[in-house]
C-alpha atoms as a PDB file:
ATOM      1  CA  MET A   1     115.306   8.874 -11.828  1.00  0.00           C
ATOM      2  CA  GLN A   2     116.034   7.631  -8.318  1.00  0.00           C
ATOM      3  CA  ILE A   3     119.076   5.711  -9.612  1.00  0.00           C
ATOM      4  CA  VAL A   4     120.399   8.834 -11.334  1.00  0.00           C
ATOM      5  CA  THR A   5     119.798  10.946  -8.237  1.00  0.00           C
ATOM      6  CA  GLU A   6     121.336   8.558  -5.730  1.00  0.00           C
ATOM      7  CA  CYS A   7     124.066   6.763  -7.707  1.00  0.00           C
ATOM      8  CA  LEU A   8     125.314   9.292 -10.240  1.00  0.00           C
ATOM      9  CA  ILE A   9     124.647  12.609  -8.514  1.00  0.00           C
ATOM     10  CA  GLY A  10     125.241  11.241  -5.010  1.00  0.00           C
ATOM     11  CA  TRP A  11     122.152  12.700  -3.349  1.00  0.00           C
ATOM     12  CA  ASN A  12     120.482  10.827  -0.482  1.00  0.00           C
ATOM     13  CA  THR A  13     116.759  11.487  -0.880  1.00  0.00           C
ATOM     14  CA  LYS A  14     115.929  10.339   2.656  1.00  0.00           C
ATOM     15  CA  THR A  15     118.386  12.586   4.532  1.00  0.00           C
ATOM     16  CA  GLN A  16     118.529  15.338   1.871  1.00  0.00           C
ATOM     17  CA  THR A  17     122.341  15.313   1.948  1.00  0.00           C
ATOM     18  CA  GLY A  18     124.997  14.742  -0.669  1.00  0.00           C
ATOM     19  CA  ARG A  19     127.984  12.439  -0.955  1.00  0.00           C
ATOM     20  CA  VAL A  20     130.584  12.412  -3.704  1.00  0.00           C
ATOM     21  CA  GLY A  21     129.014  11.471  -7.044  1.00  0.00           C
ATOM     22  CA  VAL A  22     130.372  11.617 -10.597  1.00  0.00           C
ATOM     23  CA  LEU A  23     130.471  15.442 -10.585  1.00  0.00           C
ATOM     24  CA  GLY A  24     131.647  15.916  -6.993  1.00  0.00           C
ATOM     25  CA  LYS A  25     129.667  16.462  -3.790  1.00  0.00           C
ATOM     26  CA  PRO A  26     126.242  18.010  -4.466  1.00  0.00           C
ATOM     27  CA  LEU A  27     125.022  20.740  -2.124  1.00  0.00           C
ATOM     28  CA  ALA A  28     121.583  20.971  -3.745  1.00  0.00           C
ATOM     29  CA  TRP A  29     119.811  20.078  -6.980  1.00  0.00           C
ATOM     30  CA  SER A  30     116.673  20.805  -8.921  1.00  0.00           C
ATOM     31  CA  ARG A  31     114.981  18.952 -11.766  1.00  0.00           C
ATOM     32  CA  THR A  32     112.259  20.155 -14.096  1.00  0.00           C
ATOM     33  CA  ASP A  33     110.409  17.847 -16.468  1.00  0.00           C
ATOM     34  CA  GLU A  34     109.305  19.375 -19.740  1.00  0.00           C
ATOM     35  CA  GLU A  35     107.157  18.223 -22.640  1.00  0.00           C
ATOM     36  CA  GLN A  36     108.263  18.797 -26.211  1.00  0.00           C
ATOM     37  CA  ALA A  37     105.950  19.462 -29.143  1.00  0.00           C
ATOM     38  CA  ARG A  38     106.023  15.745 -30.014  1.00  0.00           C
ATOM     39  CA  LYS A  39     104.594  14.894 -26.566  1.00  0.00           C
ATOM     40  CA  THR A  40     107.895  13.446 -25.329  1.00  0.00           C
ATOM     41  CA  LEU A  41     109.215  14.273 -21.877  1.00  0.00           C
ATOM     42  CA  HIS A  42     112.745  15.312 -20.996  1.00  0.00           C
ATOM     43  CA  ALA A  43     114.367  16.703 -17.869  1.00  0.00           C
ATOM     44  CA  HIS A  44     116.561  19.696 -17.100  1.00  0.00           C
ATOM     45  CA  TRP A  45     118.878  19.367 -14.098  1.00  0.00           C
ATOM     46  CA  GLN A  46     120.578  22.097 -12.109  1.00  0.00           C
ATOM     47  CA  ILE A  47     123.140  20.777  -9.623  1.00  0.00           C
ATOM     48  CA  TRP A  48     125.182  22.851  -7.177  1.00  0.00           C
ATOM     49  CA  ILE A  49     128.547  21.158  -6.573  1.00  0.00           C
ATOM     50  CA  GLU A  50     130.805  21.897  -3.586  1.00  0.00           C
ATOM     51  CA  TYR A  51     134.037  23.689  -4.612  1.00  0.00           C
ATOM     52  CA  PHE A  52     132.936  23.914  -8.259  1.00  0.00           C
ATOM     53  CA  ASN A  53     133.877  27.613  -8.503  1.00  0.00           C
ATOM     54  CA  ASP A  54     137.408  26.846  -7.289  1.00  0.00           C
ATOM     55  CA  CYS A  55     137.720  24.125  -9.916  1.00  0.00           C
ATOM     56  CA  ARG A  56     136.364  26.365 -12.687  1.00  0.00           C
ATOM     57  CA  GLU A  57     138.716  29.216 -11.766  1.00  0.00           C
ATOM     58  CA  ALA A  58     141.700  26.855 -11.827  1.00  0.00           C
ATOM     59  CA  LEU A  59     140.682  25.346 -15.189  1.00  0.00           C
ATOM     60  CA  PHE A  60     140.548  28.820 -16.766  1.00  0.00           C
ATOM     61  CA  SER A  61     143.538  30.296 -14.926  1.00  0.00           C
ATOM     62  CA  GLN A  62     146.074  32.480 -16.737  1.00  0.00           C
ATOM     63  CA  ASP A  63     148.832  30.255 -15.304  1.00  0.00           C
ATOM     64  CA  GLU A  64     149.362  27.268 -17.620  1.00  0.00           C
ATOM     65  CA  GLU A  65     150.795  25.088 -14.847  1.00  0.00           C
ATOM     66  CA  GLU A  66     147.719  25.702 -12.668  1.00  0.00           C
ATOM     67  CA  ARG A  67     145.424  24.802 -15.607  1.00  0.00           C
ATOM     68  CA  LYS A  68     147.304  21.545 -16.207  1.00  0.00           C
ATOM     69  CA  LYS A  69     147.162  20.624 -12.526  1.00  0.00           C
ATOM     70  CA  ALA A  70     143.420  21.402 -12.440  1.00  0.00           C
ATOM     71  CA  ARG A  71     142.773  19.238 -15.519  1.00  0.00           C
ATOM     72  CA  ASP A  72     144.716  16.337 -14.036  1.00  0.00           C
ATOM     73  CA  THR A  73     142.815  16.673 -10.755  1.00  0.00           C
ATOM     74  CA  PHE A  74     139.419  17.002 -12.434  1.00  0.00           C
ATOM     75  CA  ILE A  75     139.879  13.993 -14.695  1.00  0.00           C
END
């Protein structure tokens, strides 16, 4: 999980700060491990990304040109 946290998410566990990862720059994160009925573990992640609301608003904008620009920027 340390590789996922540091490399993919971009969270430095020593300094508790984020750098740009695959989703953007994380501000905070939380992980919960859960057991299923078959005794297998899986994790749920909640990650707060800087400027995510701005990106989401642009992706679902009424203006088609703004949506296209947001998609091109996001991808």
